[in-house]
């Protein structure tokens, strides 16, 4: 803790939201100084947009693969059904 001109102690608070360190004057109840949390780099808008485009492409690819698999299963089921019908007609 530091002391202000009025011999009051300045106290530090860690912001629960952004994790910044705040120095607060108890007399004026104002933030005297703050220090942003170091370490985690904030991403630019372009980086975030690129990340979202990649997510969208991956989701589209999975959707197309699932649709293709469903189409293949449907065709196989239809072939089996036609085969079963033709065997019943022979009997």
C-alpha atoms as a PDB file:
ATOM      1  CA  UNK A   1       0.000   0.000   0.000  1.00  0.00           C
ATOM      2  CA  UNK A   2       1.096   3.526  -0.745  1.00  0.00           C
ATOM      3  CA  UNK A   3       0.317   6.682   1.169  1.00  0.00           C
ATOM      4  CA  UNK A   4      -1.345   9.758  -0.304  1.00  0.00           C
ATOM      5  CA  UNK A   5      -0.643  13.357   0.664  1.00  0.00           C
ATOM      6  CA  UNK A   6      -3.318  13.205   3.361  1.00  0.00           C
ATOM      7  CA  UNK A   7      -1.531  10.203   4.950  1.00  0.00           C
ATOM      8  CA  UNK A   8      -4.319   7.904   3.864  1.00  0.00           C
ATOM      9  CA  UNK A   9      -3.363   4.565   2.433  1.00  0.00           C
ATOM     10  CA  UNK A  10      -4.063   3.860  -1.209  1.00  0.00           C
ATOM     11  CA  UNK A  11      -5.349   0.358  -1.705  1.00  0.00           C
ATOM     12  CA  UNK A  12      -5.143  -2.000  -4.634  1.00  0.00           C
ATOM     13  CA  UNK A  13      -8.060  -3.901  -6.078  1.00  0.00           C
ATOM     14  CA  UNK A  14      -8.053  -6.604  -8.719  1.00  0.00           C
ATOM     15  CA  UNK A  15     -10.940  -6.132 -11.162  1.00  0.00           C
ATOM     16  CA  UNK A  16     -12.943  -9.396 -11.279  1.00  0.00           C
ATOM     17  CA  UNK A  17     -13.976  -8.803 -14.879  1.00  0.00           C
ATOM     18  CA  UNK A  18     -10.857  -7.693 -16.762  1.00  0.00           C
ATOM     19  CA  UNK A  19      -8.297  -8.741 -14.107  1.00  0.00           C
ATOM     20  CA  UNK A  20      -6.662  -5.295 -14.169  1.00  0.00           C
ATOM     21  CA  UNK A  21      -4.979  -3.969 -11.051  1.00  0.00           C
ATOM     22  CA  UNK A  22      -6.522  -0.722  -9.765  1.00  0.00           C
ATOM     23  CA  UNK A  23      -5.065   1.727  -7.220  1.00  0.00           C
ATOM     24  CA  UNK A  24      -7.851   3.576  -5.413  1.00  0.00           C
ATOM     25  CA  UNK A  25      -7.621   6.700  -3.253  1.00  0.00           C
ATOM     26  CA  UNK A  26      -9.814   6.140  -0.172  1.00  0.00           C
ATOM     27  CA  UNK A  27     -10.416   9.872   0.342  1.00  0.00           C
ATOM     28  CA  UNK A  28     -11.680  10.758  -3.131  1.00  0.00           C
ATOM     29  CA  UNK A  29     -12.738   7.200  -3.990  1.00  0.00           C
ATOM     30  CA  UNK A  30     -11.201   7.600  -7.417  1.00  0.00           C
ATOM     31  CA  UNK A  31      -8.940   5.346  -9.382  1.00  0.00           C
ATOM     32  CA  UNK A  32      -5.486   6.852  -9.256  1.00  0.00           C
ATOM     33  CA  UNK A  33      -3.750   4.360 -11.485  1.00  0.00           C
ATOM     34  CA  UNK A  34      -4.495   1.106 -13.235  1.00  0.00           C
ATOM     35  CA  UNK A  35      -2.445  -1.624 -14.803  1.00  0.00           C
ATOM     36  CA  UNK A  36      -3.957  -3.880 -17.433  1.00  0.00           C
ATOM     37  CA  UNK A  37      -3.434  -7.571 -17.102  1.00  0.00           C
ATOM     38  CA  UNK A  38      -0.408  -8.588 -19.095  1.00  0.00           C
ATOM     39  CA  UNK A  39      -0.091 -11.869 -20.844  1.00  0.00           C
ATOM     40  CA  UNK A  40      -3.216 -12.476 -22.846  1.00  0.00           C
ATOM     41  CA  UNK A  41      -2.945 -10.563 -26.084  1.00  0.00           C
ATOM     42  CA  UNK A  42      -6.115  -8.998 -27.366  1.00  0.00           C
ATOM     43  CA  UNK A  43      -6.958 -10.145 -30.835  1.00  0.00           C
ATOM     44  CA  UNK A  44      -7.593  -7.759 -33.652  1.00  0.00           C
ATOM     45  CA  UNK A  45     -10.882  -7.688 -35.496  1.00  0.00           C
ATOM     46  CA  UNK A  46      -9.234  -9.217 -38.567  1.00  0.00           C
ATOM     47  CA  UNK A  47      -7.940 -12.147 -36.505  1.00  0.00           C
ATOM     48  CA  UNK A  48     -11.384 -12.730 -35.013  1.00  0.00           C
ATOM     49  CA  UNK A  49     -13.039 -12.570 -38.444  1.00  0.00           C
ATOM     50  CA  UNK A  50     -10.499 -15.028 -39.862  1.00  0.00           C
ATOM     51  CA  UNK A  51     -11.124 -17.394 -36.955  1.00  0.00           C
ATOM     52  CA  UNK A  52     -14.905 -17.209 -37.525  1.00  0.00           C
ATOM     53  CA  UNK A  53     -14.467 -17.838 -41.269  1.00  0.00           C
ATOM     54  CA  UNK A  54     -12.428 -20.946 -40.475  1.00  0.00           C
ATOM     55  CA  UNK A  55     -15.132 -22.134 -38.070  1.00  0.00           C
ATOM     56  CA  UNK A  56     -17.790 -21.572 -40.738  1.00  0.00           C
ATOM     57  CA  UNK A  57     -15.805 -23.446 -43.389  1.00  0.00           C
ATOM     58  CA  UNK A  58     -15.314 -26.371 -41.000  1.00  0.00           C
ATOM     59  CA  UNK A  59     -19.026 -26.414 -40.115  1.00  0.00           C
ATOM     60  CA  UNK A  60     -19.952 -26.287 -43.821  1.00  0.00           C
ATOM     61  CA  UNK A  61     -17.545 -29.142 -44.562  1.00  0.00           C
ATOM     62  CA  UNK A  62     -19.036 -31.268 -41.770  1.00  0.00           C
ATOM     63  CA  UNK A  63     -22.565 -30.481 -42.968  1.00  0.00           C
ATOM     64  CA  UNK A  64     -21.730 -31.489 -46.545  1.00  0.00           C
ATOM     65  CA  UNK A  65     -20.066 -34.695 -45.342  1.00  0.00           C
ATOM     66  CA  UNK A  66     -23.110 -35.550 -43.222  1.00  0.00           C
ATOM     67  CA  UNK A  67     -25.484 -34.789 -46.104  1.00  0.00           C
ATOM     68  CA  UNK A  68     -23.426 -36.975 -48.444  1.00  0.00           C
ATOM     69  CA  UNK A  69     -23.405 -39.821 -45.910  1.00  0.00           C
ATOM     70  CA  UNK A  70     -27.176 -39.546 -45.446  1.00  0.00           C
ATOM     71  CA  UNK A  71     -27.674 -39.603 -49.225  1.00  0.00           C
ATOM     72  CA  UNK A  72     -25.498 -42.722 -49.501  1.00  0.00           C
ATOM     73  CA  UNK A  73     -27.422 -44.451 -46.701  1.00  0.00           C
ATOM     74  CA  UNK A  74     -30.724 -43.569 -48.335  1.00  0.00           C
ATOM     75  CA  UNK A  75     -29.571 -45.001 -51.673  1.00  0.00           C
ATOM     76  CA  UNK A  76     -28.366 -48.206 -49.975  1.00  0.00           C
ATOM     77  CA  UNK A  77     -31.682 -48.576 -48.148  1.00  0.00           C
ATOM     78  CA  UNK A  78     -33.598 -48.038 -51.390  1.00  0.00           C
ATOM     79  CA  UNK A  79     -31.451 -50.656 -53.174  1.00  0.00           C
ATOM     80  CA  UNK A  80     -32.062 -53.157 -50.359  1.00  0.00           C
ATOM     81  CA  UNK A  81     -35.797 -52.441 -50.503  1.00  0.00           C
ATOM     82  CA  UNK A  82     -35.926 -52.971 -54.284  1.00  0.00           C
ATOM     83  CA  UNK A  83     -33.915 -56.190 -53.928  1.00  0.00           C
ATOM     84  CA  UNK A  84     -36.281 -57.457 -51.222  1.00  0.00           C
ATOM     85  CA  UNK A  85     -39.307 -56.627 -53.423  1.00  0.00           C
ATOM     86  CA  UNK A  86     -37.840 -58.438 -56.424  1.00  0.00           C
ATOM     87  CA  UNK A  87     -37.113 -61.528 -54.279  1.00  0.00           C
ATOM     88  CA  UNK A  88     -40.708 -61.513 -53.003  1.00  0.00           C
ATOM     89  CA  UNK A  89     -42.026 -61.302 -56.585  1.00  0.00           C
ATOM     90  CA  UNK A  90     -39.944 -64.384 -57.531  1.00  0.00           C
ATOM     91  CA  UNK A  91     -41.519 -66.473 -54.769  1.00  0.00           C
END
